[in-house]
Amino acid sequence: MSSDTDDPMVPIVCTECETESRVPLSEVADMLETHNENQHDGEQCAQVDPDLADQLQDLVAEDMGLL
């Protein structure tokens, strides 16, 4: 079983609140949903840092042979 320190930290940003934070990967979905629900009436304002999301998308596409 992995410890909490093994869980990579993921940067999330909210351009509406002008905030940035890092949360454990295992908590990203819940944190984004909670923030957006509580702060923005459910509108998807907070998200995983777009630069990181783009890099991950490229890595997955490459791994799948799509690039």
PDB file of N, CA and C in Angstrom:
ATOM      1  N   MET A   1       0.853  -1.174   0.000  1.00  0.00           N
ATOM      2  CA  MET A   1       0.000   0.000   0.000  1.00  0.00           C
ATOM      3  C   MET A   1       0.895   1.232   0.000  1.00  0.00           C
ATOM      4  N   SER A   2       0.543   2.242  -0.793  1.00  0.00           N
ATOM      5  CA  SER A   2       1.364   3.447  -0.866  1.00  0.00           C
ATOM      6  C   SER A   2       0.954   4.439   0.210  1.00  0.00           C
ATOM      7  N   SER A   3       1.904   5.242   0.624  1.00  0.00           N
ATOM      8  CA  SER A   3       1.609   6.272   1.609  1.00  0.00           C
ATOM      9  C   SER A   3       1.172   7.531   0.901  1.00  0.00           C
ATOM     10  N   ASP A   4       0.661   8.495   1.664  1.00  0.00           N
ATOM     11  CA  ASP A   4       0.218   9.759   1.093  1.00  0.00           C
ATOM     12  C   ASP A   4       1.354  10.487   0.392  1.00  0.00           C
ATOM     13  N   THR A   5       2.583  10.283   0.836  1.00  0.00           N
ATOM     14  CA  THR A   5       3.715  10.979   0.228  1.00  0.00           C
ATOM     15  C   THR A   5       4.031  10.428  -1.150  1.00  0.00           C
ATOM     16  N   ASP A   6       3.507   9.230  -1.482  1.00  0.00           N
ATOM     17  CA  ASP A   6       3.715   8.648  -2.801  1.00  0.00           C
ATOM     18  C   ASP A   6       2.727   9.177  -3.831  1.00  0.00           C
ATOM     19  N   ASP A   7       1.666   9.821  -3.386  1.00  0.00           N
ATOM     20  CA  ASP A   7       0.636  10.343  -4.272  1.00  0.00           C
ATOM     21  C   ASP A   7       1.150  11.640  -4.896  1.00  0.00           C
ATOM     22  N   PRO A   8       1.345  11.671  -6.218  1.00  0.00           N
ATOM     23  CA  PRO A   8       1.876  12.893  -6.845  1.00  0.00           C
ATOM     24  C   PRO A   8       0.937  14.074  -6.655  1.00  0.00           C
ATOM     25  N   MET A   9       1.522  15.243  -6.533  1.00  0.00           N
ATOM     26  CA  MET A   9       0.752  16.472  -6.388  1.00  0.00           C
ATOM     27  C   MET A   9       0.471  17.047  -7.777  1.00  0.00           C
ATOM     28  N   VAL A  10      -0.765  17.458  -7.991  1.00  0.00           N
ATOM     29  CA  VAL A  10      -1.204  17.959  -9.285  1.00  0.00           C
ATOM     30  C   VAL A  10      -1.594  19.427  -9.139  1.00  0.00           C
ATOM     31  N   PRO A  11      -1.071  20.292 -10.019  1.00  0.00           N
ATOM     32  CA  PRO A  11      -1.449  21.705  -9.941  1.00  0.00           C
ATOM     33  C   PRO A  11      -2.846  21.923 -10.519  1.00  0.00           C
ATOM     34  N   ILE A  12      -3.666  22.640  -9.761  1.00  0.00           N
ATOM     35  CA  ILE A  12      -4.968  23.051 -10.263  1.00  0.00           C
ATOM     36  C   ILE A  12      -5.035  24.571 -10.229  1.00  0.00           C
ATOM     37  N   VAL A  13      -5.768  25.131 -11.162  1.00  0.00           N
ATOM     38  CA  VAL A  13      -5.881  26.588 -11.255  1.00  0.00           C
ATOM     39  C   VAL A  13      -7.340  26.974 -11.418  1.00  0.00           C
ATOM     40  N   CYS A  14      -7.662  28.152 -10.917  1.00  0.00           N
ATOM     41  CA  CYS A  14      -8.983  28.730 -11.128  1.00  0.00           C
ATOM     42  C   CYS A  14      -8.770  30.163 -11.589  1.00  0.00           C
ATOM     43  N   THR A  15      -9.045  30.401 -12.855  1.00  0.00           N
ATOM     44  CA  THR A  15      -8.840  31.740 -13.398  1.00  0.00           C
ATOM     45  C   THR A  15      -9.858  32.734 -12.850  1.00  0.00           C
ATOM     46  N   GLU A  16     -11.038  32.266 -12.487  1.00  0.00           N
ATOM     47  CA  GLU A  16     -12.058  33.154 -11.922  1.00  0.00           C
ATOM     48  C   GLU A  16     -11.647  33.670 -10.543  1.00  0.00           C
ATOM     49  N   CYS A  17     -11.097  32.800  -9.720  1.00  0.00           N
ATOM     50  CA  CYS A  17     -10.664  33.176  -8.363  1.00  0.00           C
ATOM     51  C   CYS A  17      -9.224  33.685  -8.354  1.00  0.00           C
ATOM     52  N   GLU A  18      -8.529  33.477  -9.480  1.00  0.00           N
ATOM     53  CA  GLU A  18      -7.105  33.794  -9.581  1.00  0.00           C
ATOM     54  C   GLU A  18      -6.306  33.059  -8.515  1.00  0.00           C
ATOM     55  N   THR A  19      -6.601  31.749  -8.373  1.00  0.00           N
ATOM     56  CA  THR A  19      -5.904  30.928  -7.395  1.00  0.00           C
ATOM     57  C   THR A  19      -5.231  29.752  -8.078  1.00  0.00           C
ATOM     58  N   GLU A  20      -4.179  29.279  -7.440  1.00  0.00           N
ATOM     59  CA  GLU A  20      -3.473  28.077  -7.853  1.00  0.00           C
ATOM     60  C   GLU A  20      -3.221  27.251  -6.611  1.00  0.00           C
ATOM     61  N   SER A  21      -3.271  25.942  -6.773  1.00  0.00           N
ATOM     62  CA  SER A  21      -3.056  25.052  -5.649  1.00  0.00           C
ATOM     63  C   SER A  21      -2.489  23.742  -6.171  1.00  0.00           C
ATOM     64  N   ARG A  22      -1.977  22.942  -5.269  1.00  0.00           N
ATOM     65  CA  ARG A  22      -1.524  21.590  -5.609  1.00  0.00           C
ATOM     66  C   ARG A  22      -2.256  20.641  -4.682  1.00  0.00           C
ATOM     67  N   VAL A  23      -2.813  19.598  -5.279  1.00  0.00           N
ATOM     68  CA  VAL A  23      -3.549  18.606  -4.497  1.00  0.00           C
ATOM     69  C   VAL A  23      -3.070  17.215  -4.890  1.00  0.00           C
ATOM     70  N   PRO A  24      -3.200  16.248  -3.994  1.00  0.00           N
ATOM     71  CA  PRO A  24      -2.817  14.879  -4.338  1.00  0.00           C
ATOM     72  C   PRO A  24      -3.651  14.367  -5.515  1.00  0.00           C
ATOM     73  N   LEU A  25      -3.023  13.612  -6.395  1.00  0.00           N
ATOM     74  CA  LEU A  25      -3.692  13.087  -7.584  1.00  0.00           C
ATOM     75  C   LEU A  25      -4.994  12.382  -7.228  1.00  0.00           C
ATOM     76  N   SER A  26      -4.989  11.631  -6.156  1.00  0.00           N
ATOM     77  CA  SER A  26      -6.178  10.870  -5.771  1.00  0.00           C
ATOM     78  C   SER A  26      -7.350  11.758  -5.358  1.00  0.00           C
ATOM     79  N   GLU A  27      -7.099  13.050  -5.114  1.00  0.00           N
ATOM     80  CA  GLU A  27      -8.147  13.956  -4.663  1.00  0.00           C
ATOM     81  C   GLU A  27      -8.539  15.006  -5.707  1.00  0.00           C
ATOM     82  N   VAL A  28      -7.900  14.981  -6.883  1.00  0.00           N
ATOM     83  CA  VAL A  28      -8.123  16.032  -7.883  1.00  0.00           C
ATOM     84  C   VAL A  28      -9.589  16.166  -8.267  1.00  0.00           C
ATOM     85  N   ALA A  29     -10.223  15.086  -8.656  1.00  0.00           N
ATOM     86  CA  ALA A  29     -11.612  15.155  -9.131  1.00  0.00           C
ATOM     87  C   ALA A  29     -12.541  15.716  -8.058  1.00  0.00           C
ATOM     88  N   ASP A  30     -12.400  15.216  -6.831  1.00  0.00           N
ATOM     89  CA  ASP A  30     -13.263  15.691  -5.742  1.00  0.00           C
ATOM     90  C   ASP A  30     -13.008  17.153  -5.423  1.00  0.00           C
ATOM     91  N   MET A  31     -11.739  17.556  -5.406  1.00  0.00           N
ATOM     92  CA  MET A  31     -11.402  18.949  -5.092  1.00  0.00           C
ATOM     93  C   MET A  31     -11.945  19.904  -6.153  1.00  0.00           C
ATOM     94  N   LEU A  32     -11.798  19.527  -7.426  1.00  0.00           N
ATOM     95  CA  LEU A  32     -12.308  20.378  -8.497  1.00  0.00           C
ATOM     96  C   LEU A  32     -13.828  20.487  -8.429  1.00  0.00           C
ATOM     97  N   GLU A  33     -14.478  19.368  -8.232  1.00  0.00           N
ATOM     98  CA  GLU A  33     -15.941  19.381  -8.151  1.00  0.00           C
ATOM     99  C   GLU A  33     -16.413  20.227  -6.972  1.00  0.00           C
ATOM    100  N   THR A  34     -15.793  20.045  -5.821  1.00  0.00           N
ATOM    101  CA  THR A  34     -16.174  20.800  -4.633  1.00  0.00           C
ATOM    102  C   THR A  34     -15.949  22.298  -4.835  1.00  0.00           C
ATOM    103  N   HIS A  35     -14.785  22.666  -5.341  1.00  0.00           N
ATOM    104  CA  HIS A  35     -14.486  24.084  -5.567  1.00  0.00           C
ATOM    105  C   HIS A  35     -15.488  24.689  -6.539  1.00  0.00           C
ATOM    106  N   ASN A  36     -15.676  24.038  -7.675  1.00  0.00           N
ATOM    107  CA  ASN A  36     -16.571  24.591  -8.691  1.00  0.00           C
ATOM    108  C   ASN A  36     -18.014  24.667  -8.198  1.00  0.00           C
ATOM    109  N   GLU A  37     -18.438  23.678  -7.436  1.00  0.00           N
ATOM    110  CA  GLU A  37     -19.799  23.677  -6.905  1.00  0.00           C
ATOM    111  C   GLU A  37     -19.984  24.794  -5.870  1.00  0.00           C
ATOM    112  N   ASN A  38     -19.020  24.920  -4.958  1.00  0.00           N
ATOM    113  CA  ASN A  38     -19.144  25.896  -3.872  1.00  0.00           C
ATOM    114  C   ASN A  38     -18.869  27.334  -4.306  1.00  0.00           C
ATOM    115  N   GLN A  39     -17.942  27.515  -5.223  1.00  0.00           N
ATOM    116  CA  GLN A  39     -17.522  28.870  -5.592  1.00  0.00           C
ATOM    117  C   GLN A  39     -18.167  29.393  -6.871  1.00  0.00           C
ATOM    118  N   HIS A  40     -18.584  28.492  -7.752  1.00  0.00           N
ATOM    119  CA  HIS A  40     -19.015  28.933  -9.076  1.00  0.00           C
ATOM    120  C   HIS A  40     -20.321  28.279  -9.523  1.00  0.00           C
ATOM    121  N   ASP A  41     -21.151  27.875  -8.555  1.00  0.00           N
ATOM    122  CA  ASP A  41     -22.452  27.262  -8.846  1.00  0.00           C
ATOM    123  C   ASP A  41     -22.349  26.123  -9.853  1.00  0.00           C
ATOM    124  N   GLY A  42     -21.274  25.357  -9.786  1.00  0.00           N
ATOM    125  CA  GLY A  42     -21.109  24.192 -10.633  1.00  0.00           C
ATOM    126  C   GLY A  42     -20.432  24.460 -11.965  1.00  0.00           C
ATOM    127  N   GLU A  43     -20.255  25.724 -12.329  1.00  0.00           N
ATOM    128  CA  GLU A  43     -19.566  26.032 -13.584  1.00  0.00           C
ATOM    129  C   GLU A  43     -18.115  25.564 -13.492  1.00  0.00           C
ATOM    130  N   GLN A  44     -17.594  24.976 -14.557  1.00  0.00           N
ATOM    131  CA  GLN A  44     -16.257  24.385 -14.561  1.00  0.00           C
ATOM    132  C   GLN A  44     -15.174  25.457 -14.722  1.00  0.00           C
ATOM    133  N   CYS A  45     -14.898  26.196 -13.672  1.00  0.00           N
ATOM    134  CA  CYS A  45     -13.877  27.251 -13.705  1.00  0.00           C
ATOM    135  C   CYS A  45     -12.508  26.714 -13.291  1.00  0.00           C
ATOM    136  N   ALA A  46     -12.465  25.978 -12.187  1.00  0.00           N
ATOM    137  CA  ALA A  46     -11.200  25.392 -11.733  1.00  0.00           C
ATOM    138  C   ALA A  46     -10.922  24.148 -12.562  1.00  0.00           C
ATOM    139  N   GLN A  47      -9.635  23.928 -12.844  1.00  0.00           N
ATOM    140  CA  GLN A  47      -9.236  22.789 -13.669  1.00  0.00           C
ATOM    141  C   GLN A  47      -7.785  22.437 -13.390  1.00  0.00           C
ATOM    142  N   VAL A  48      -7.397  21.256 -13.863  1.00  0.00           N
ATOM    143  CA  VAL A  48      -5.984  20.884 -13.815  1.00  0.00           C
ATOM    144  C   VAL A  48      -5.232  21.898 -14.664  1.00  0.00           C
ATOM    145  N   ASP A  49      -4.050  22.280 -14.218  1.00  0.00           N
ATOM    146  CA  ASP A  49      -3.245  23.243 -14.961  1.00  0.00           C
ATOM    147  C   ASP A  49      -3.239  22.856 -16.443  1.00  0.00           C
ATOM    148  N   PRO A  50      -3.676  23.760 -17.326  1.00  0.00           N
ATOM    149  CA  PRO A  50      -3.785  23.429 -18.751  1.00  0.00           C
ATOM    150  C   PRO A  50      -2.467  22.967 -19.386  1.00  0.00           C
ATOM    151  N   ASP A  51      -1.352  23.509 -18.956  1.00  0.00           N
ATOM    152  CA  ASP A  51      -0.066  23.078 -19.512  1.00  0.00           C
ATOM    153  C   ASP A  51       0.205  21.615 -19.178  1.00  0.00           C
ATOM    154  N   LEU A  52      -0.071  21.219 -17.943  1.00  0.00           N
ATOM    155  CA  LEU A  52       0.113  19.828 -17.534  1.00  0.00           C
ATOM    156  C   LEU A  52      -0.871  18.928 -18.275  1.00  0.00           C
ATOM    157  N   ALA A  53      -2.106  19.362 -18.388  1.00  0.00           N
ATOM    158  CA  ALA A  53      -3.109  18.562 -19.097  1.00  0.00           C
ATOM    159  C   ALA A  53      -2.687  18.330 -20.546  1.00  0.00           C
ATOM    160  N   ASP A  54      -2.160  19.359 -21.196  1.00  0.00           N
ATOM    161  CA  ASP A  54      -1.688  19.216 -22.579  1.00  0.00           C
ATOM    162  C   ASP A  54      -0.534  18.228 -22.675  1.00  0.00           C
ATOM    163  N   GLN A  55       0.403  18.307 -21.744  1.00  0.00           N
ATOM    164  CA  GLN A  55       1.540  17.392 -21.746  1.00  0.00           C
ATOM    165  C   GLN A  55       1.076  15.953 -21.553  1.00  0.00           C
ATOM    166  N   LEU A  56       0.153  15.744 -20.638  1.00  0.00           N
ATOM    167  CA  LEU A  56      -0.363  14.398 -20.403  1.00  0.00           C
ATOM    168  C   LEU A  56      -1.109  13.871 -21.626  1.00  0.00           C
ATOM    169  N   GLN A  57      -1.879  14.739 -22.254  1.00  0.00           N
ATOM    170  CA  GLN A  57      -2.611  14.341 -23.460  1.00  0.00           C
ATOM    171  C   GLN A  57      -1.640  13.905 -24.554  1.00  0.00           C
ATOM    172  N   ASP A  58      -0.561  14.657 -24.732  1.00  0.00           N
ATOM    173  CA  ASP A  58       0.440  14.299 -25.736  1.00  0.00           C
ATOM    174  C   ASP A  58       1.112  12.963 -25.417  1.00  0.00           C
ATOM    175  N   LEU A  59       1.439  12.741 -24.142  1.00  0.00           N
ATOM    176  CA  LEU A  59       2.073  11.485 -23.748  1.00  0.00           C
ATOM    177  C   LEU A  59       1.153  10.286 -23.982  1.00  0.00           C
ATOM    178  N   VAL A  60      -0.112  10.443 -23.652  1.00  0.00           N
ATOM    179  CA  VAL A  60      -1.058   9.364 -23.856  1.00  0.00           C
ATOM    180  C   VAL A  60      -1.246   9.088 -25.339  1.00  0.00           C
ATOM    181  N   ALA A  61      -1.397  10.137 -26.132  1.00  0.00           N
ATOM    182  CA  ALA A  61      -1.560   9.960 -27.577  1.00  0.00           C
ATOM    183  C   ALA A  61      -0.337   9.284 -28.195  1.00  0.00           C
ATOM    184  N   GLU A  62       0.842   9.685 -27.747  1.00  0.00           N
ATOM    185  CA  GLU A  62       2.063   9.069 -28.244  1.00  0.00           C
ATOM    186  C   GLU A  62       2.137   7.600 -27.854  1.00  0.00           C
ATOM    187  N   ASP A  63       1.784   7.312 -26.609  1.00  0.00           N
ATOM    188  CA  ASP A  63       1.818   5.941 -26.119  1.00  0.00           C
ATOM    189  C   ASP A  63       0.835   5.055 -26.894  1.00  0.00           C
ATOM    190  N   MET A  64      -0.277   5.638 -27.314  1.00  0.00           N
ATOM    191  CA  MET A  64      -1.294   4.895 -28.060  1.00  0.00           C
ATOM    192  C   MET A  64      -0.978   4.833 -29.553  1.00  0.00           C
ATOM    193  N   GLY A  65       0.118   5.498 -29.955  1.00  0.00           N
ATOM    194  CA  GLY A  65       0.509   5.493 -31.358  1.00  0.00           C
ATOM    195  C   GLY A  65      -0.314   6.429 -32.224  1.00  0.00           C
ATOM    196  N   LEU A  66      -0.940   7.415 -31.623  1.00  0.00           N
ATOM    197  CA  LEU A  66      -1.775   8.342 -32.371  1.00  0.00           C
ATOM    198  C   LEU A  66      -0.991   9.517 -32.957  1.00  0.00           C
ATOM    199  N   LEU A  67       0.223   9.712 -32.496  1.00  0.00           N
ATOM    200  CA  LEU A  67       1.047  10.808 -33.033  1.00  0.00           C
ATOM    201  C   LEU A  67       2.095  10.275 -33.965  1.00  0.00           C
TER     202      LEU A  67
END
